[in-house]
């Protein structure tokens, strides 16, 4: 394995030095103070006007280069936070530990040791930092705008004040395929279904097993939703339905997934069974593992399903709640719901069945609950509402309380944009070929920012980042160099 300091010496040096400094700062969503303070101090160290709003967003302004003072202002925009995901066998605390970034042996990629890398959106933030520090870059009035907590709900963009930004053009540095200019994105909405219940006594003489699925690839719930990767929660409940119906299993607790915008990689349940059913259930687990490996051949190569005996819980779910939960999860859609008819390779609407967790009673209450969280996305508002209604029906019919939150708008393409024409022309001049003009099935902050700043023109682009939101995340070094060159050329042209 290459030493992680090699990352610090890559070109363009200013960008990679800034990115390396970001890997030293724990910045999972929600842990915003340390990274925000770092960016504030960075702006002030350059002698630039540096502001921070009430919720923690940071804005750094750099005066225009000589002769460009009257050009429309440009905003370089990215988000501070990263998705905290790690492999099950890795000891890592995202709130304390620095990311162990390194260059892969082939010299083509930067990745991290067993965790997400934070190239999403650390490369974008580092790019803006490098531009702010580089005195040789020619640019119009410039603003670097860094938002908080994009990954968990776009809170920084949602709470952005109108009038704070001055620029006419916004370059969102949060896309993940070099050579593509994004001009539209999906909106989203979170659904939370809660099954409340009073636990019942476990059957005397039963034993308990913890059944666990792990090793699924996971990934970004928007960008990777079309890849047909396994959802560990869906697989687990497929097994549970069989085990309950045919092997006298009962469900005590269940957990799976960790982030609303990541495909669930792992899921586990504690079930109780009659002692004489032990071997039959172990055989069933082996059959399901073999079945899933065949069904996901070429997609999921590390999927593993296992069971181990654990201490038998005193309480478990009532049988009716267990059955309703299993039916609801089975019925709830996951994956691609609809593609764009005019662009059949682009997803229009999807749902990520993202998280399930059991909360047992505490001293104040006799009630337990199971929460299920979904993230529905669509580039068409009415389709987003339709899918939300489908999810609501699936869980409401099962007796759950369903609530929606965190809705954010999509970003409607403007193919006549002056910014788009300029960016396309610059790319063609720099690289000799045309960029793809596309929309993305993911939530970008452009839609929210655009709703607050009418008339602002926006483009999203970035280097090639594979498998964001998973421990396999990596960024291609050559495309980072190309990306930075493009940003510099675009600023000069604008």
Protein backbone atom coordinates (compact mmCIF):
# COMPACT_ATOMS: atom_id res chain seq x y z
CA UNK A 1 0.00 0.00 0.00
CA UNK A 2 1.34 3.42 -0.91
CA UNK A 3 1.99 5.87 1.92
CA UNK A 4 -0.95 8.24 2.37
CA UNK A 5 1.40 11.26 2.09
CA UNK A 6 1.64 10.57 -1.62
CA UNK A 7 -1.80 12.16 -1.88
CA UNK A 8 -0.27 15.37 -0.60
CA UNK A 9 2.21 15.46 -3.49
CA UNK A 10 -0.11 14.94 -6.45
CA UNK A 11 -0.77 17.57 -9.11
CA UNK A 12 -2.33 20.09 -9.13
CA UNK A 13 -0.48 20.55 -5.89
CA UNK A 14 -2.68 23.25 -4.36
CA UNK A 15 -5.80 21.16 -4.84
CA UNK A 16 -4.34 17.93 -3.43
CA UNK A 17 -2.72 19.71 -0.49
CA UNK A 18 -6.13 21.19 0.34
CA UNK A 19 -7.83 17.81 -0.05
CA UNK A 20 -5.26 16.14 2.16
CA UNK A 21 -5.87 18.76 4.85
CA UNK A 22 -9.60 17.97 4.62
CA UNK A 23 -8.93 14.25 5.23
CA UNK A 24 -7.33 15.24 8.55
CA UNK A 25 -10.54 16.88 9.77
CA UNK A 26 -13.45 14.65 10.86
CA UNK A 27 -16.47 15.96 8.95
CA UNK A 28 -19.36 13.52 8.85
CA UNK A 29 -22.74 15.19 8.41
CA UNK A 30 -23.73 16.87 11.65
CA UNK A 31 -20.18 17.45 12.86
CA UNK A 32 -19.85 20.88 11.33
CA UNK A 33 -17.93 23.16 13.72
CA UNK A 34 -14.38 21.91 13.15
CA UNK A 35 -14.59 21.94 9.34
CA UNK A 36 -16.44 25.28 9.28
CA UNK A 37 -13.85 26.85 11.59
CA UNK A 38 -11.10 25.47 9.37
CA UNK A 39 -12.60 27.10 6.26
CA UNK A 40 -13.21 30.40 8.04
CA UNK A 41 -9.60 30.49 9.21
CA UNK A 42 -8.44 29.53 5.73
CA UNK A 43 -10.26 32.45 4.13
CA UNK A 44 -8.98 34.89 6.72
CA UNK A 45 -5.41 33.60 6.34
CA UNK A 46 -5.59 34.61 2.67
CA UNK A 47 -6.75 38.08 3.63
CA UNK A 48 -10.12 37.57 1.96
CA UNK A 49 -13.57 38.67 3.08
CA UNK A 50 -14.90 35.66 5.01
CA UNK A 51 -18.43 35.30 6.33
CA UNK A 52 -20.38 32.65 8.21
CA UNK A 53 -24.15 32.63 8.55
CA UNK A 54 -26.22 31.59 11.56
CA UNK A 55 -26.36 27.90 10.63
CA UNK A 56 -22.69 27.50 9.72
CA UNK A 57 -22.44 28.02 5.94
CA UNK A 58 -19.16 29.70 4.98
CA UNK A 59 -18.70 32.28 2.22
CA UNK A 60 -15.30 33.57 1.07
CA UNK A 61 -15.09 36.42 -1.45
CA UNK A 62 -12.10 37.08 -3.71
CA UNK A 63 -11.94 40.32 -5.74
CA UNK A 64 -11.85 40.06 -9.51
CA UNK A 65 -8.61 39.96 -11.47
CA UNK A 66 -7.56 43.23 -13.07
CA UNK A 67 -9.80 44.05 -16.01
CA UNK A 68 -12.57 41.63 -14.97
CA UNK A 69 -14.18 43.75 -12.27
CA UNK A 70 -17.31 44.37 -14.34
CA UNK A 71 -17.87 40.75 -15.37
CA UNK A 72 -20.78 38.87 -13.74
CA UNK A 73 -19.73 37.23 -10.48
CA UNK A 74 -19.07 33.49 -10.26
CA UNK A 75 -19.80 31.25 -7.27
CA UNK A 76 -17.79 28.06 -6.67
CA UNK A 77 -20.06 25.90 -4.53
CA UNK A 78 -19.57 22.67 -2.60
CA UNK A 79 -20.55 21.06 0.68
CA UNK A 80 -18.34 20.51 3.72
CA UNK A 81 -19.69 17.20 4.98
CA UNK A 82 -19.02 13.64 3.87
CA UNK A 83 -20.88 10.32 4.13
CA UNK A 84 -19.49 8.15 6.97
CA UNK A 85 -19.45 4.53 5.80
CA UNK A 86 -16.96 1.81 6.70
CA UNK A 87 -16.48 -1.90 6.23
CA UNK A 88 -17.77 -4.04 9.06
CA UNK A 89 -14.30 -5.25 10.05
CA UNK A 90 -12.75 -1.77 10.22
CA UNK A 91 -12.32 0.03 13.53
CA UNK A 92 -12.93 3.71 12.78
CA UNK A 93 -14.56 6.68 14.48
CA UNK A 94 -15.69 9.26 11.90
CA UNK A 95 -16.01 11.90 14.62
CA UNK A 96 -12.38 11.58 15.70
CA UNK A 97 -10.21 9.72 13.21
CA UNK A 98 -8.60 11.15 10.06
CA UNK A 99 -9.35 9.42 6.77
CA UNK A 100 -6.51 7.12 5.70
CA UNK A 101 -6.28 8.23 2.07
CA UNK A 102 -3.73 6.67 -0.26
CA UNK A 103 -2.86 6.25 -3.92
CA UNK A 104 -3.72 2.83 -5.29
CA UNK A 105 -0.81 0.71 -6.51
CA UNK A 106 -1.66 1.38 -10.15
CA UNK A 107 -1.20 5.11 -9.51
CA UNK A 108 -4.53 6.00 -11.12
CA UNK A 109 -6.87 6.38 -8.16
CA UNK A 110 -7.01 7.80 -4.66
CA UNK A 111 -9.05 5.80 -2.19
CA UNK A 112 -9.26 5.19 1.57
CA UNK A 113 -8.48 2.27 3.85
CA UNK A 114 -11.82 0.59 4.56
CA UNK A 115 -13.90 3.78 4.72
CA UNK A 116 -15.46 6.38 2.48
CA UNK A 117 -12.83 8.73 1.11
CA UNK A 118 -14.76 12.00 1.25
CA UNK A 119 -13.91 12.93 -2.34
CA UNK A 120 -17.65 13.62 -2.38
CA UNK A 121 -17.46 16.61 -1.92
CA UNK A 122 -13.94 17.11 -0.61
CA UNK A 123 -12.49 17.40 -4.11
CA UNK A 124 -14.95 20.20 -4.90
CA UNK A 125 -14.15 22.04 -1.67
CA UNK A 126 -10.41 21.57 -2.21
CA UNK A 127 -10.73 22.92 -5.75
CA UNK A 128 -12.37 26.12 -4.50
CA UNK A 129 -9.70 26.45 -1.80
CA UNK A 130 -6.93 26.10 -4.37
CA UNK A 131 -8.52 28.70 -6.66
CA UNK A 132 -8.83 31.13 -3.75
CA UNK A 133 -5.13 30.76 -2.96
CA UNK A 134 -3.80 30.80 -6.54
CA UNK A 135 -2.81 34.33 -7.56
CA UNK A 136 -2.23 33.28 -11.17
CA UNK A 137 -5.86 32.29 -11.86
CA UNK A 138 -7.71 34.93 -13.91
CA UNK A 139 -11.30 35.30 -12.78
CA UNK A 140 -14.30 37.64 -12.36
CA UNK A 141 -15.59 38.57 -8.89
CA UNK A 142 -15.42 35.23 -7.09
CA UNK A 143 -17.29 33.65 -4.20
CA UNK A 144 -16.51 30.27 -2.65
CA UNK A 145 -19.65 29.03 -0.94
CA UNK A 146 -19.44 26.00 1.37
CA UNK A 147 -22.65 24.52 2.76
CA UNK A 148 -23.24 22.34 5.80
CA UNK A 149 -24.92 18.94 6.05
CA UNK A 150 -25.77 18.39 2.39
CA UNK A 151 -25.69 14.61 2.71
CA UNK A 152 -28.34 14.35 5.42
CA UNK A 153 -30.91 16.85 4.17
CA UNK A 154 -29.29 19.76 2.33
CA UNK A 155 -29.76 21.87 5.44
CA UNK A 156 -27.19 24.46 4.45
CA UNK A 157 -28.86 25.16 1.13
CA UNK A 158 -32.36 24.97 2.60
CA UNK A 159 -31.57 27.60 5.23
CA UNK A 160 -29.57 29.86 2.91
CA UNK A 161 -30.64 33.50 3.14
CA UNK A 162 -31.69 35.26 -0.01
CA UNK A 163 -29.37 38.14 -0.87
CA UNK A 164 -26.27 36.59 0.71
CA UNK A 165 -24.75 35.48 -2.59
CA UNK A 166 -23.87 38.12 -5.21
CA UNK A 167 -22.77 36.07 -8.22
CA UNK A 168 -24.83 35.48 -11.36
CA UNK A 169 -23.24 32.14 -12.29
CA UNK A 170 -22.95 29.18 -9.93
CA UNK A 171 -20.51 26.34 -10.57
CA UNK A 172 -21.56 23.41 -8.39
CA UNK A 173 -18.46 21.21 -7.95
CA UNK A 174 -20.37 18.15 -6.71
CA UNK A 175 -20.79 15.82 -9.69
CA UNK A 176 -18.92 12.61 -10.27
CA UNK A 177 -18.29 11.94 -13.98
CA UNK A 178 -15.66 13.93 -15.84
CA UNK A 179 -16.77 15.12 -19.26
CA UNK A 180 -20.39 15.64 -18.24
CA UNK A 181 -22.12 18.95 -17.53
CA UNK A 182 -25.18 18.54 -15.36
CA UNK A 183 -28.03 20.94 -16.01
CA UNK A 184 -30.80 19.34 -13.92
CA UNK A 185 -31.30 17.02 -10.95
CA UNK A 186 -33.93 15.12 -9.05
CA UNK A 187 -35.85 16.44 -6.09
CA UNK A 188 -36.45 14.25 -3.07
CA UNK A 189 -38.53 13.61 0.01
CA UNK A 190 -37.94 11.52 3.15
CA UNK A 191 -40.59 9.11 4.40
CA UNK A 192 -40.52 7.73 7.95
CA UNK A 193 -42.88 4.91 8.93
CA UNK A 194 -43.17 3.98 12.62
CA UNK A 195 -44.64 0.77 13.99
CA UNK A 196 -45.33 1.25 17.72
CA UNK A 197 -46.03 -1.79 19.87
CA UNK A 198 -45.83 -3.24 23.37
CA UNK A 199 -43.40 -6.19 23.39
CA UNK A 200 -44.70 -9.61 24.42
CA UNK A 201 -42.99 -12.43 26.30
CA UNK A 202 -40.79 -14.75 24.29
CA UNK A 203 -42.05 -18.32 24.05
CA UNK A 204 -40.53 -20.53 26.74
CA UNK A 205 -37.97 -22.99 25.46
CA UNK A 206 -37.16 -20.98 22.32
CA UNK A 207 -33.61 -20.12 21.37
CA UNK A 208 -32.44 -16.94 19.65
CA UNK A 209 -30.36 -16.38 16.53
CA UNK A 210 -28.87 -13.24 15.13
CA UNK A 211 -29.14 -13.50 11.36
CA UNK A 212 -27.01 -11.06 9.39
CA UNK A 213 -26.46 -10.03 5.79
CA UNK A 214 -23.26 -8.16 5.01
CA UNK A 215 -20.90 -7.50 2.14
CA UNK A 216 -23.37 -5.88 -0.26
CA UNK A 217 -21.74 -3.20 -2.39
CA UNK A 218 -24.10 -0.39 -1.41
CA UNK A 219 -23.40 2.95 -3.02
CA UNK A 220 -25.14 6.24 -3.76
CA UNK A 221 -28.90 5.87 -3.64
CA UNK A 222 -29.33 8.18 -6.63
CA UNK A 223 -26.32 7.69 -8.90
CA UNK A 224 -26.12 3.92 -8.30
CA UNK A 225 -29.82 3.06 -8.02
CA UNK A 226 -29.95 1.73 -11.59
CA UNK A 227 -27.11 -0.76 -11.07
CA UNK A 228 -29.47 -3.36 -9.56
CA UNK A 229 -27.34 -3.88 -6.47
CA UNK A 230 -28.79 -5.82 -3.58
CA UNK A 231 -30.64 -4.02 -0.80
CA UNK A 232 -29.69 -5.87 2.39
CA UNK A 233 -32.96 -4.90 4.11
CA UNK A 234 -35.05 -6.26 1.26
CA UNK A 235 -33.09 -9.51 1.24
CA UNK A 236 -33.39 -9.93 4.98
CA UNK A 237 -37.16 -9.53 4.93
CA UNK A 238 -37.46 -11.96 2.04
CA UNK A 239 -35.84 -14.51 4.33
CA UNK A 240 -37.86 -13.45 7.38
CA UNK A 241 -41.14 -13.93 5.55
CA UNK A 242 -40.17 -17.51 4.77
CA UNK A 243 -38.77 -18.20 8.25
CA UNK A 244 -41.90 -16.88 10.00
CA UNK A 245 -44.33 -18.64 7.69
CA UNK A 246 -42.64 -22.04 7.59
CA UNK A 247 -40.19 -22.39 10.50
CA UNK A 248 -42.08 -20.92 13.49
CA UNK A 249 -39.63 -18.02 13.72
CA UNK A 250 -40.54 -14.88 15.64
CA UNK A 251 -38.96 -11.46 15.25
CA UNK A 252 -37.46 -9.74 18.30
CA UNK A 253 -35.54 -6.87 16.70
CA UNK A 254 -34.21 -5.75 13.35
CA UNK A 255 -31.73 -3.20 12.03
CA UNK A 256 -30.29 -2.31 8.66
CA UNK A 257 -28.83 0.52 6.63
CA UNK A 258 -27.33 3.65 8.13
CA UNK A 259 -27.92 6.61 5.81
CA UNK A 260 -30.96 7.69 3.84
CA UNK A 261 -28.90 8.38 0.72
CA UNK A 262 -26.84 5.17 0.76
CA UNK A 263 -27.99 1.79 -0.48
CA UNK A 264 -28.20 -0.56 2.54
CA UNK A 265 -25.12 -2.77 2.63
CA UNK A 266 -25.89 -4.66 5.84
CA UNK A 267 -28.95 -5.79 7.80
CA UNK A 268 -29.50 -8.03 10.80
CA UNK A 269 -32.34 -9.40 12.94
CA UNK A 270 -32.68 -11.28 16.18
CA UNK A 271 -35.24 -14.05 15.81
CA UNK A 272 -36.47 -16.74 18.17
CA UNK A 273 -37.22 -20.31 17.10
CA UNK A 274 -38.04 -23.65 18.72
CA UNK A 275 -34.79 -25.38 19.61
CA UNK A 276 -35.54 -28.34 17.36
CA UNK A 277 -35.78 -25.97 14.35
CA UNK A 278 -32.17 -24.85 14.66
CA UNK A 279 -30.63 -27.04 11.96
CA UNK A 280 -33.53 -26.50 9.57
CA UNK A 281 -33.09 -22.75 9.88
CA UNK A 282 -29.35 -22.98 9.33
CA UNK A 283 -30.04 -24.98 6.17
CA UNK A 284 -32.52 -22.29 5.06
CA UNK A 285 -29.90 -19.59 5.57
CA UNK A 286 -27.40 -21.51 3.44
CA UNK A 287 -29.99 -21.95 0.69
CA UNK A 288 -30.81 -18.23 0.65
CA UNK A 289 -27.14 -17.27 0.49
CA UNK A 290 -26.63 -19.59 -2.48
CA UNK A 291 -29.79 -18.26 -4.12
CA UNK A 292 -28.80 -14.61 -3.73
CA UNK A 293 -25.27 -15.21 -5.00
CA UNK A 294 -26.79 -16.76 -8.12
CA UNK A 295 -29.38 -14.00 -8.52
CA UNK A 296 -26.73 -11.27 -8.12
CA UNK A 297 -23.99 -13.06 -10.02
CA UNK A 298 -21.56 -10.47 -11.38
CA UNK A 299 -23.07 -7.76 -9.17
CA UNK A 300 -22.61 -8.86 -5.55
CA UNK A 301 -19.46 -10.92 -5.14
CA UNK A 302 -18.94 -10.50 -1.37
CA UNK A 303 -22.50 -10.98 -0.09
CA UNK A 304 -22.60 -13.19 3.00
CA UNK A 305 -25.55 -14.43 5.05
CA UNK A 306 -24.97 -16.05 8.42
CA UNK A 307 -26.51 -16.81 11.80
CA UNK A 308 -25.17 -17.29 15.29
CA UNK A 309 -26.88 -18.20 18.51
CA UNK A 310 -27.25 -15.32 20.98
CA UNK A 311 -28.79 -14.83 24.39
CA UNK A 312 -32.54 -15.23 24.10
CA UNK A 313 -34.38 -11.92 24.62
CA UNK A 314 -37.16 -11.82 27.17
CA UNK A 315 -39.44 -9.88 24.83
CA UNK A 316 -40.27 -9.90 21.13
CA UNK A 317 -42.71 -8.30 18.70
CA UNK A 318 -46.38 -9.19 18.84
CA UNK A 319 -47.15 -11.58 16.02
CA UNK A 320 -49.52 -9.20 14.22
CA UNK A 321 -47.00 -6.33 14.27
CA UNK A 322 -44.28 -8.66 13.02
CA UNK A 323 -46.47 -9.86 10.15
CA UNK A 324 -47.61 -6.37 9.17
CA UNK A 325 -44.00 -5.14 9.20
CA UNK A 326 -42.85 -8.01 7.01
CA UNK A 327 -45.65 -7.47 4.51
CA UNK A 328 -45.03 -3.70 4.39
CA UNK A 329 -41.31 -4.06 3.74
CA UNK A 330 -42.02 -6.69 1.10
CA UNK A 331 -44.51 -4.38 -0.61
CA UNK A 332 -42.52 -1.14 -0.33
CA UNK A 333 -40.86 -0.30 -3.67
CA UNK A 334 -37.10 -0.06 -3.90
CA UNK A 335 -35.01 0.84 -6.91
CA UNK A 336 -35.93 2.41 -10.23
CA UNK A 337 -39.61 3.33 -10.38
CA UNK A 338 -39.59 5.10 -13.77
CA UNK A 339 -37.08 6.27 -16.40
CA UNK A 340 -37.33 9.45 -18.47
CA UNK A 341 -39.19 8.39 -21.64
CA UNK A 342 -37.13 10.69 -23.88
CA UNK A 343 -33.88 9.60 -22.17
CA UNK A 344 -34.38 5.91 -21.29
CA UNK A 345 -30.86 5.59 -19.85
CA UNK A 346 -31.66 8.26 -17.22
CA UNK A 347 -33.69 7.43 -14.11
CA UNK A 348 -36.63 9.76 -13.52
CA UNK A 349 -38.09 8.37 -10.26
CA UNK A 350 -36.75 5.96 -7.63
CA UNK A 351 -36.98 4.95 -4.01
CA UNK A 352 -34.28 3.90 -1.58
CA UNK A 353 -35.60 1.72 1.26
CA UNK A 354 -32.73 3.01 3.34
CA UNK A 355 -32.90 2.33 7.08
CA UNK A 356 -34.72 0.13 9.57
CA UNK A 357 -34.10 0.27 13.30
CA UNK A 358 -35.71 -1.10 16.47
CA UNK A 359 -36.10 1.03 19.59
CA UNK A 360 -36.89 -0.88 22.77
CA UNK A 361 -38.85 0.58 25.72
CA UNK A 362 -37.06 2.82 28.18
CA UNK A 363 -37.88 3.79 31.76
CA UNK A 364 -40.46 6.32 30.61
CA UNK A 365 -42.47 4.09 28.29
CA UNK A 366 -43.64 0.52 27.85
CA UNK A 367 -43.81 0.95 24.11
CA UNK A 368 -41.21 -0.13 21.58
CA UNK A 369 -41.13 0.86 17.93
CA UNK A 370 -39.60 0.00 14.60
CA UNK A 371 -38.75 2.89 12.26
CA UNK A 372 -38.36 2.54 8.51
CA UNK A 373 -36.85 5.41 6.49
CA UNK A 374 -37.06 5.85 2.72
CA UNK A 375 -35.73 8.50 0.34
CA UNK A 376 -37.86 8.97 -2.77
CA UNK A 377 -36.41 10.94 -5.69
CA UNK A 378 -37.77 12.28 -8.95
CA UNK A 379 -36.98 14.96 -11.49
CA UNK A 380 -40.77 15.35 -11.95
CA UNK A 381 -42.54 16.80 -8.91
CA UNK A 382 -45.83 15.01 -9.58
CA UNK A 383 -44.02 11.65 -9.88
CA UNK A 384 -42.27 12.29 -6.58
CA UNK A 385 -45.65 12.89 -4.98
CA UNK A 386 -47.05 9.75 -6.60
CA UNK A 387 -44.23 7.57 -5.27
CA UNK A 388 -44.53 9.12 -1.81
CA UNK A 389 -48.21 8.18 -1.88
CA UNK A 390 -47.36 4.59 -2.81
CA UNK A 391 -44.93 4.35 0.11
CA UNK A 392 -47.49 5.87 2.43
CA UNK A 393 -50.12 3.34 1.37
CA UNK A 394 -47.80 0.36 1.84
CA UNK A 395 -47.05 1.32 5.43
CA UNK A 396 -50.37 2.88 6.41
CA UNK A 397 -52.26 -0.28 5.45
CA UNK A 398 -49.91 -2.14 7.78
CA UNK A 399 -50.82 0.15 10.68
CA UNK A 400 -47.73 2.33 10.71
CA UNK A 401 -47.67 6.06 11.30
CA UNK A 402 -46.14 7.69 8.20
CA UNK A 403 -44.58 11.14 8.15
CA UNK A 404 -42.79 13.05 5.40
CA UNK A 405 -39.99 15.57 5.80
CA UNK A 406 -36.98 17.10 4.10
CA UNK A 407 -38.64 17.71 0.74
CA UNK A 408 -36.46 19.59 -1.69
CA UNK A 409 -37.12 20.68 -5.26
CA UNK A 410 -35.56 19.35 -8.41
CA UNK A 411 -33.56 21.51 -10.78
CA UNK A 412 -35.19 22.07 -14.15
CA UNK A 413 -32.75 22.25 -17.09
CA UNK A 414 -32.21 25.52 -18.96
CA UNK A 415 -30.67 24.51 -22.26
CA UNK A 416 -30.56 28.15 -23.44
CA UNK A 417 -28.36 29.26 -20.55
CA UNK A 418 -25.46 31.59 -21.35
CA UNK A 419 -23.40 29.76 -18.75
CA UNK A 420 -24.04 26.40 -20.42
CA UNK A 421 -23.01 27.75 -23.83
CA UNK A 422 -19.80 29.21 -22.40
CA UNK A 423 -18.88 26.08 -20.42
CA UNK A 424 -19.51 23.87 -23.44
CA UNK A 425 -17.35 26.10 -25.64
CA UNK A 426 -14.52 26.19 -23.10
CA UNK A 427 -14.52 22.41 -22.74
CA UNK A 428 -14.38 21.90 -26.51
CA UNK A 429 -11.51 24.39 -26.83
CA UNK A 430 -9.51 22.85 -23.99
CA UNK A 431 -9.99 19.18 -24.76
CA UNK A 432 -11.02 18.91 -28.39
CA UNK A 433 -14.32 17.14 -27.83
CA UNK A 434 -17.80 18.03 -26.60
CA UNK A 435 -19.00 17.35 -23.06
CA UNK A 436 -22.20 15.42 -22.49
CA UNK A 437 -25.09 17.60 -21.36
CA UNK A 438 -27.10 15.54 -18.87
CA UNK A 439 -29.33 15.54 -15.84
CA UNK A 440 -28.52 13.54 -12.71
CA UNK A 441 -30.73 11.31 -10.60
CA UNK A 442 -29.42 12.67 -7.35
CA UNK A 443 -30.09 15.63 -5.14
CA UNK A 444 -27.92 18.61 -5.92
CA UNK A 445 -28.11 21.86 -4.02
CA UNK A 446 -28.65 23.72 -7.30
CA UNK A 447 -32.42 23.21 -7.18
CA UNK A 448 -32.71 24.71 -3.70
CA UNK A 449 -30.29 27.56 -4.32
CA UNK A 450 -31.98 28.36 -7.63
CA UNK A 451 -35.36 28.60 -5.90
CA UNK A 452 -33.93 31.33 -3.64
CA UNK A 453 -32.02 33.20 -6.37
CA UNK A 454 -34.26 33.58 -9.38
CA UNK A 455 -32.31 34.08 -12.58
CA UNK A 456 -29.08 32.54 -11.32
CA UNK A 457 -27.56 30.24 -13.97
CA UNK A 458 -25.99 27.00 -12.75
CA UNK A 459 -23.87 24.10 -13.94
CA UNK A 460 -22.71 21.07 -11.94
CA UNK A 461 -19.60 19.12 -12.87
CA UNK A 462 -16.65 17.29 -11.36
CA UNK A 463 -13.97 14.63 -11.78
CA UNK A 464 -14.69 10.92 -11.94
CA UNK A 465 -15.57 9.54 -8.52
CA UNK A 466 -16.59 5.89 -8.32
CA UNK A 467 -18.78 4.31 -5.62
CA UNK A 468 -19.49 7.43 -3.52
CA UNK A 469 -21.23 6.79 -0.20
CA UNK A 470 -19.49 3.40 0.15
CA UNK A 471 -16.09 2.23 1.44
CA UNK A 472 -15.15 1.52 -2.19
CA UNK A 473 -15.21 5.25 -2.99
CA UNK A 474 -12.30 6.39 -5.10
CA UNK A 475 -11.40 9.37 -7.30
CA UNK A 476 -9.49 9.20 -10.57
CA UNK A 477 -6.32 11.30 -10.43
CA UNK A 478 -6.10 12.15 -14.15
CA UNK A 479 -9.68 13.43 -14.18
CA UNK A 480 -8.98 15.66 -11.16
CA UNK A 481 -6.18 17.29 -13.15
CA UNK A 482 -8.50 17.74 -16.12
CA UNK A 483 -11.28 19.05 -13.89
CA UNK A 484 -9.06 21.70 -12.32
CA UNK A 485 -7.80 22.81 -15.73
CA UNK A 486 -11.41 23.16 -16.87
CA UNK A 487 -12.40 25.25 -13.83
CA UNK A 488 -9.46 27.61 -14.36
CA UNK A 489 -10.24 28.00 -18.08
CA UNK A 490 -13.93 28.54 -17.42
CA UNK A 491 -13.27 31.30 -14.88
CA UNK A 492 -11.07 33.12 -17.39
CA UNK A 493 -13.78 32.83 -20.07
CA UNK A 494 -16.58 34.03 -17.80
